[in-house]
Amino acid sequence: MKRLTHREESIMQIFWKLGKAFIKDVMQELEEPKPPVTTVSSIVRKLEANGYLAHEAFGKTHRYYALIKKEEYRKFSLEKFVDNYFGGSAEQLLSYFVKEEKINPEDLDALLENLKDK
């Protein structure tokens, strides 16, 4: 699996949300300013070529669907993130959030309790 670009990931988010979708459905989900439909079609075809999407044909129209589950990509993406920015250490990641006050002591206590239960 390879890391998706921001645009590719935003398109995949739509497929994970909708399940199956035509290009027109994807266009409706995109925020303004919307890219040209040709750009979206190109991204979808690239995602299909790279094994992230597949399609069903209805004449000349295609309905696309995700082959990769959101959870699979989330796991891959998070592992890459932790490797790239925290040397693969979940401890360093958690320490960063504590130092930057992105996690409060109550949430940290709850997290520790969950870890003890496992």
N, C-alpha and C. Protein backbone atom coordinates (compact mmCIF):
# COMPACT_ATOMS: atom_id res chain seq x y z
N MET A 1 0.86 -1.17 0.00
CA MET A 1 0.00 0.00 0.00
C MET A 1 0.90 1.23 0.00
N LYS A 2 0.46 2.26 -0.70
CA LYS A 2 1.23 3.50 -0.70
C LYS A 2 0.38 4.65 -0.20
N ARG A 3 1.06 5.67 0.27
CA ARG A 3 0.40 6.84 0.84
C ARG A 3 -0.35 7.59 -0.26
N LEU A 4 -1.58 7.99 0.03
CA LEU A 4 -2.39 8.75 -0.93
C LEU A 4 -2.08 10.23 -0.83
N THR A 5 -2.26 10.93 -1.94
CA THR A 5 -2.15 12.39 -1.91
C THR A 5 -3.39 12.93 -1.19
N HIS A 6 -3.35 14.21 -0.85
CA HIS A 6 -4.49 14.83 -0.17
C HIS A 6 -5.76 14.69 -1.01
N ARG A 7 -5.67 14.95 -2.31
CA ARG A 7 -6.85 14.83 -3.19
C ARG A 7 -7.35 13.41 -3.29
N GLU A 8 -6.42 12.46 -3.43
CA GLU A 8 -6.82 11.06 -3.51
C GLU A 8 -7.51 10.62 -2.22
N GLU A 9 -6.95 11.05 -1.09
CA GLU A 9 -7.54 10.67 0.19
C GLU A 9 -8.94 11.28 0.36
N SER A 10 -9.12 12.52 -0.09
CA SER A 10 -10.45 13.13 0.03
C SER A 10 -11.47 12.40 -0.84
N ILE A 11 -11.05 11.91 -1.99
CA ILE A 11 -11.94 11.11 -2.85
C ILE A 11 -12.26 9.77 -2.19
N MET A 12 -11.24 9.13 -1.61
CA MET A 12 -11.47 7.86 -0.93
C MET A 12 -12.42 8.04 0.26
N GLN A 13 -12.31 9.15 0.97
CA GLN A 13 -13.21 9.41 2.09
C GLN A 13 -14.67 9.39 1.61
N ILE A 14 -14.90 9.91 0.43
CA ILE A 14 -16.26 9.93 -0.14
C ILE A 14 -16.73 8.50 -0.42
N PHE A 15 -15.85 7.68 -1.00
CA PHE A 15 -16.25 6.29 -1.28
C PHE A 15 -16.47 5.51 0.01
N TRP A 16 -15.65 5.76 1.02
CA TRP A 16 -15.85 5.09 2.31
C TRP A 16 -17.17 5.51 2.93
N LYS A 17 -17.57 6.74 2.70
CA LYS A 17 -18.84 7.24 3.24
C LYS A 17 -20.03 6.69 2.46
N LEU A 18 -19.95 6.75 1.12
CA LEU A 18 -21.10 6.38 0.28
C LEU A 18 -21.18 4.89 -0.04
N GLY A 19 -20.06 4.20 -0.01
CA GLY A 19 -20.05 2.80 -0.43
C GLY A 19 -19.79 2.71 -1.92
N LYS A 20 -20.85 2.76 -2.71
CA LYS A 20 -20.73 2.76 -4.17
C LYS A 20 -21.18 4.11 -4.69
N ALA A 21 -20.48 4.62 -5.72
CA ALA A 21 -20.84 5.95 -6.22
C ALA A 21 -20.40 6.14 -7.66
N PHE A 22 -21.20 6.92 -8.37
CA PHE A 22 -20.84 7.38 -9.70
C PHE A 22 -20.04 8.68 -9.52
N ILE A 23 -19.35 9.09 -10.57
CA ILE A 23 -18.57 10.32 -10.51
C ILE A 23 -19.46 11.50 -10.12
N LYS A 24 -20.69 11.54 -10.63
CA LYS A 24 -21.59 12.65 -10.30
C LYS A 24 -21.89 12.69 -8.80
N ASP A 25 -21.97 11.51 -8.17
CA ASP A 25 -22.18 11.44 -6.73
C ASP A 25 -20.98 11.99 -5.97
N VAL A 26 -19.80 11.66 -6.46
CA VAL A 26 -18.57 12.16 -5.84
C VAL A 26 -18.53 13.68 -5.96
N MET A 27 -18.88 14.19 -7.13
CA MET A 27 -18.88 15.64 -7.36
C MET A 27 -19.81 16.35 -6.38
N GLN A 28 -20.96 15.76 -6.10
CA GLN A 28 -21.91 16.38 -5.18
C GLN A 28 -21.36 16.45 -3.76
N GLU A 29 -20.52 15.51 -3.39
CA GLU A 29 -19.96 15.45 -2.04
C GLU A 29 -18.78 16.41 -1.83
N LEU A 30 -18.15 16.81 -2.91
CA LEU A 30 -16.97 17.69 -2.81
C LEU A 30 -17.36 19.10 -2.40
N GLU A 31 -16.49 19.72 -1.62
CA GLU A 31 -16.73 21.08 -1.17
C GLU A 31 -16.32 22.07 -2.27
N GLU A 32 -16.89 23.26 -2.18
CA GLU A 32 -16.53 24.34 -3.09
C GLU A 32 -15.17 24.89 -2.72
N PRO A 33 -14.39 25.34 -3.64
CA PRO A 33 -14.59 25.24 -5.08
C PRO A 33 -14.31 23.81 -5.56
N LYS A 34 -15.23 23.29 -6.31
CA LYS A 34 -15.10 21.92 -6.81
C LYS A 34 -14.10 21.87 -7.96
N PRO A 35 -13.28 20.82 -8.00
CA PRO A 35 -12.39 20.65 -9.14
C PRO A 35 -13.21 20.26 -10.37
N PRO A 36 -12.64 20.41 -11.55
CA PRO A 36 -13.36 19.97 -12.76
C PRO A 36 -13.65 18.47 -12.71
N VAL A 37 -14.75 18.08 -13.31
CA VAL A 37 -15.15 16.67 -13.33
C VAL A 37 -14.07 15.81 -13.97
N THR A 38 -13.35 16.36 -14.94
CA THR A 38 -12.28 15.59 -15.59
C THR A 38 -11.15 15.29 -14.61
N THR A 39 -10.88 16.21 -13.71
CA THR A 39 -9.85 15.99 -12.69
C THR A 39 -10.29 14.89 -11.74
N VAL A 40 -11.53 14.94 -11.30
CA VAL A 40 -12.06 13.92 -10.39
C VAL A 40 -12.05 12.55 -11.09
N SER A 41 -12.45 12.51 -12.35
CA SER A 41 -12.43 11.25 -13.11
C SER A 41 -11.02 10.69 -13.21
N SER A 42 -10.06 11.56 -13.44
CA SER A 42 -8.66 11.11 -13.53
C SER A 42 -8.18 10.54 -12.20
N ILE A 43 -8.52 11.19 -11.10
CA ILE A 43 -8.12 10.71 -9.78
C ILE A 43 -8.76 9.35 -9.51
N VAL A 44 -10.03 9.22 -9.83
CA VAL A 44 -10.74 7.95 -9.61
C VAL A 44 -10.11 6.85 -10.44
N ARG A 45 -9.80 7.12 -11.69
CA ARG A 45 -9.16 6.10 -12.54
C ARG A 45 -7.79 5.72 -12.00
N LYS A 46 -7.04 6.70 -11.48
CA LYS A 46 -5.73 6.42 -10.89
C LYS A 46 -5.88 5.55 -9.64
N LEU A 47 -6.87 5.88 -8.80
CA LEU A 47 -7.13 5.07 -7.61
C LEU A 47 -7.50 3.63 -7.99
N GLU A 48 -8.25 3.50 -9.07
CA GLU A 48 -8.60 2.16 -9.54
C GLU A 48 -7.36 1.43 -10.05
N ALA A 49 -6.54 2.11 -10.81
CA ALA A 49 -5.32 1.49 -11.34
C ALA A 49 -4.37 1.06 -10.22
N ASN A 50 -4.40 1.78 -9.11
CA ASN A 50 -3.52 1.46 -7.98
C ASN A 50 -4.15 0.49 -6.98
N GLY A 51 -5.35 -0.02 -7.31
CA GLY A 51 -5.96 -1.05 -6.50
C GLY A 51 -6.78 -0.58 -5.31
N TYR A 52 -7.09 0.72 -5.27
CA TYR A 52 -7.90 1.24 -4.17
C TYR A 52 -9.39 1.18 -4.49
N LEU A 53 -9.74 1.25 -5.76
CA LEU A 53 -11.13 1.22 -6.21
C LEU A 53 -11.32 0.17 -7.29
N ALA A 54 -12.56 -0.23 -7.49
CA ALA A 54 -12.97 -1.07 -8.62
C ALA A 54 -14.28 -0.49 -9.11
N HIS A 55 -14.79 -1.01 -10.24
CA HIS A 55 -16.05 -0.47 -10.75
C HIS A 55 -16.95 -1.57 -11.31
N GLU A 56 -18.22 -1.20 -11.39
CA GLU A 56 -19.23 -1.99 -12.09
C GLU A 56 -19.63 -1.15 -13.29
N ALA A 57 -19.75 -1.77 -14.44
CA ALA A 57 -20.12 -1.04 -15.65
C ALA A 57 -21.62 -1.12 -15.89
N PHE A 58 -22.19 0.03 -16.23
CA PHE A 58 -23.58 0.14 -16.64
C PHE A 58 -23.57 0.86 -17.98
N GLY A 59 -23.38 0.08 -19.04
CA GLY A 59 -23.19 0.71 -20.35
C GLY A 59 -21.87 1.47 -20.34
N LYS A 60 -21.93 2.75 -20.68
CA LYS A 60 -20.71 3.57 -20.68
C LYS A 60 -20.44 4.22 -19.32
N THR A 61 -21.32 4.01 -18.38
CA THR A 61 -21.18 4.61 -17.05
C THR A 61 -20.61 3.59 -16.07
N HIS A 62 -19.79 4.07 -15.16
CA HIS A 62 -19.19 3.21 -14.15
C HIS A 62 -19.59 3.65 -12.75
N ARG A 63 -19.91 2.67 -11.92
CA ARG A 63 -20.14 2.94 -10.51
C ARG A 63 -18.95 2.32 -9.76
N TYR A 64 -18.26 3.16 -9.01
CA TYR A 64 -17.04 2.76 -8.33
C TYR A 64 -17.30 2.40 -6.87
N TYR A 65 -16.41 1.58 -6.33
CA TYR A 65 -16.48 1.21 -4.91
C TYR A 65 -15.07 0.92 -4.41
N ALA A 66 -14.89 1.10 -3.11
CA ALA A 66 -13.57 0.93 -2.49
C ALA A 66 -13.21 -0.55 -2.36
N LEU A 67 -11.96 -0.87 -2.64
CA LEU A 67 -11.43 -2.21 -2.41
C LEU A 67 -10.67 -2.25 -1.08
N ILE A 68 -10.18 -1.10 -0.66
CA ILE A 68 -9.43 -0.97 0.59
C ILE A 68 -10.38 -0.40 1.65
N LYS A 69 -10.46 -1.04 2.78
CA LYS A 69 -11.31 -0.54 3.86
C LYS A 69 -10.65 0.67 4.52
N LYS A 70 -11.50 1.55 5.02
CA LYS A 70 -11.01 2.75 5.70
C LYS A 70 -10.09 2.37 6.87
N GLU A 71 -10.46 1.34 7.61
CA GLU A 71 -9.67 0.91 8.76
C GLU A 71 -8.29 0.44 8.34
N GLU A 72 -8.19 -0.25 7.19
CA GLU A 72 -6.90 -0.71 6.68
C GLU A 72 -6.00 0.49 6.37
N TYR A 73 -6.58 1.47 5.67
CA TYR A 73 -5.78 2.63 5.30
C TYR A 73 -5.42 3.46 6.53
N ARG A 74 -6.35 3.58 7.47
CA ARG A 74 -6.07 4.33 8.70
C ARG A 74 -4.88 3.71 9.43
N LYS A 75 -4.89 2.37 9.56
CA LYS A 75 -3.79 1.68 10.24
C LYS A 75 -2.47 1.93 9.52
N PHE A 76 -2.47 1.75 8.21
CA PHE A 76 -1.27 1.98 7.41
C PHE A 76 -0.78 3.42 7.55
N SER A 77 -1.69 4.36 7.43
CA SER A 77 -1.35 5.78 7.47
C SER A 77 -0.83 6.19 8.84
N LEU A 78 -1.46 5.71 9.90
CA LEU A 78 -1.03 6.05 11.25
C LEU A 78 0.34 5.45 11.55
N GLU A 79 0.57 4.21 11.12
CA GLU A 79 1.88 3.60 11.32
C GLU A 79 2.96 4.38 10.61
N LYS A 80 2.68 4.82 9.38
CA LYS A 80 3.65 5.64 8.62
C LYS A 80 3.92 6.95 9.36
N PHE A 81 2.85 7.58 9.85
CA PHE A 81 2.96 8.85 10.56
C PHE A 81 3.84 8.70 11.80
N VAL A 82 3.56 7.67 12.60
CA VAL A 82 4.34 7.43 13.82
C VAL A 82 5.79 7.12 13.46
N ASP A 83 6.02 6.33 12.42
CA ASP A 83 7.39 6.03 11.98
C ASP A 83 8.12 7.30 11.54
N ASN A 84 7.45 8.12 10.72
CA ASN A 84 8.10 9.29 10.15
C ASN A 84 8.37 10.41 11.15
N TYR A 85 7.46 10.60 12.10
CA TYR A 85 7.56 11.75 12.98
C TYR A 85 7.93 11.42 14.43
N PHE A 86 7.80 10.15 14.81
CA PHE A 86 8.07 9.79 16.20
C PHE A 86 8.95 8.55 16.31
N GLY A 87 9.71 8.27 15.25
CA GLY A 87 10.64 7.15 15.28
C GLY A 87 9.99 5.82 15.57
N GLY A 88 8.71 5.69 15.21
CA GLY A 88 8.00 4.43 15.42
C GLY A 88 7.55 4.22 16.86
N SER A 89 7.72 5.23 17.70
CA SER A 89 7.42 5.10 19.12
C SER A 89 6.06 5.70 19.47
N ALA A 90 5.13 4.83 19.89
CA ALA A 90 3.83 5.31 20.35
C ALA A 90 4.00 6.13 21.63
N GLU A 91 5.01 5.78 22.43
CA GLU A 91 5.29 6.53 23.66
C GLU A 91 5.66 7.98 23.33
N GLN A 92 6.50 8.18 22.32
CA GLN A 92 6.87 9.54 21.91
C GLN A 92 5.66 10.29 21.38
N LEU A 93 4.78 9.61 20.66
CA LEU A 93 3.56 10.22 20.15
C LEU A 93 2.68 10.70 21.30
N LEU A 94 2.45 9.84 22.27
CA LEU A 94 1.62 10.19 23.42
C LEU A 94 2.27 11.32 24.22
N SER A 95 3.57 11.24 24.39
CA SER A 95 4.31 12.28 25.12
C SER A 95 4.15 13.63 24.42
N TYR A 96 4.18 13.63 23.11
CA TYR A 96 3.99 14.87 22.35
C TYR A 96 2.62 15.48 22.66
N PHE A 97 1.58 14.66 22.63
CA PHE A 97 0.23 15.16 22.88
C PHE A 97 0.09 15.69 24.31
N VAL A 98 0.76 15.05 25.26
CA VAL A 98 0.71 15.53 26.64
C VAL A 98 1.43 16.87 26.75
N LYS A 99 2.63 16.97 26.18
CA LYS A 99 3.43 18.21 26.24
C LYS A 99 2.72 19.37 25.57
N GLU A 100 2.05 19.09 24.47
CA GLU A 100 1.36 20.15 23.72
C GLU A 100 -0.04 20.43 24.26
N GLU A 101 -0.37 19.76 25.36
CA GLU A 101 -1.68 19.92 26.01
C GLU A 101 -2.85 19.61 25.07
N LYS A 102 -2.64 18.61 24.21
CA LYS A 102 -3.69 18.15 23.30
C LYS A 102 -4.52 17.05 23.94
N ILE A 103 -4.03 16.53 25.06
CA ILE A 103 -4.77 15.52 25.81
C ILE A 103 -4.75 15.96 27.27
N ASN A 104 -5.90 15.92 27.89
CA ASN A 104 -5.96 16.37 29.29
C ASN A 104 -5.73 15.18 30.23
N PRO A 105 -5.38 15.47 31.49
CA PRO A 105 -5.07 14.39 32.43
C PRO A 105 -6.20 13.37 32.61
N GLU A 106 -7.46 13.82 32.56
CA GLU A 106 -8.57 12.88 32.71
C GLU A 106 -8.63 11.89 31.55
N ASP A 107 -8.43 12.41 30.35
CA ASP A 107 -8.43 11.53 29.18
C ASP A 107 -7.25 10.56 29.23
N LEU A 108 -6.11 11.05 29.71
CA LEU A 108 -4.93 10.20 29.82
C LEU A 108 -5.18 9.09 30.85
N ASP A 109 -5.79 9.44 31.97
CA ASP A 109 -6.13 8.43 32.98
C ASP A 109 -7.07 7.37 32.41
N ALA A 110 -8.08 7.82 31.66
CA ALA A 110 -9.03 6.88 31.04
C ALA A 110 -8.31 5.97 30.05
N LEU A 111 -7.39 6.54 29.28
CA LEU A 111 -6.62 5.75 28.32
C LEU A 111 -5.78 4.70 29.04
N LEU A 112 -5.14 5.09 30.12
CA LEU A 112 -4.33 4.15 30.90
C LEU A 112 -5.19 3.04 31.49
N GLU A 113 -6.39 3.36 31.95
CA GLU A 113 -7.30 2.34 32.47
C GLU A 113 -7.69 1.35 31.37
N ASN A 114 -7.96 1.88 30.17
CA ASN A 114 -8.30 0.99 29.04
C ASN A 114 -7.14 0.06 28.72
N LEU A 115 -5.92 0.59 28.78
CA LEU A 115 -4.75 -0.23 28.49
C LEU A 115 -4.57 -1.32 29.55
N LYS A 116 -4.82 -0.97 30.80
CA LYS A 116 -4.70 -1.95 31.89
C LYS A 116 -5.73 -3.07 31.72
N ASP A 117 -6.93 -2.72 31.25
CA ASP A 117 -7.98 -3.71 31.05
C ASP A 117 -7.65 -4.71 29.96
N LYS A 118 -6.85 -4.30 29.01
CA LYS A 118 -6.47 -5.20 27.91
C LYS A 118 -5.36 -6.07 28.37
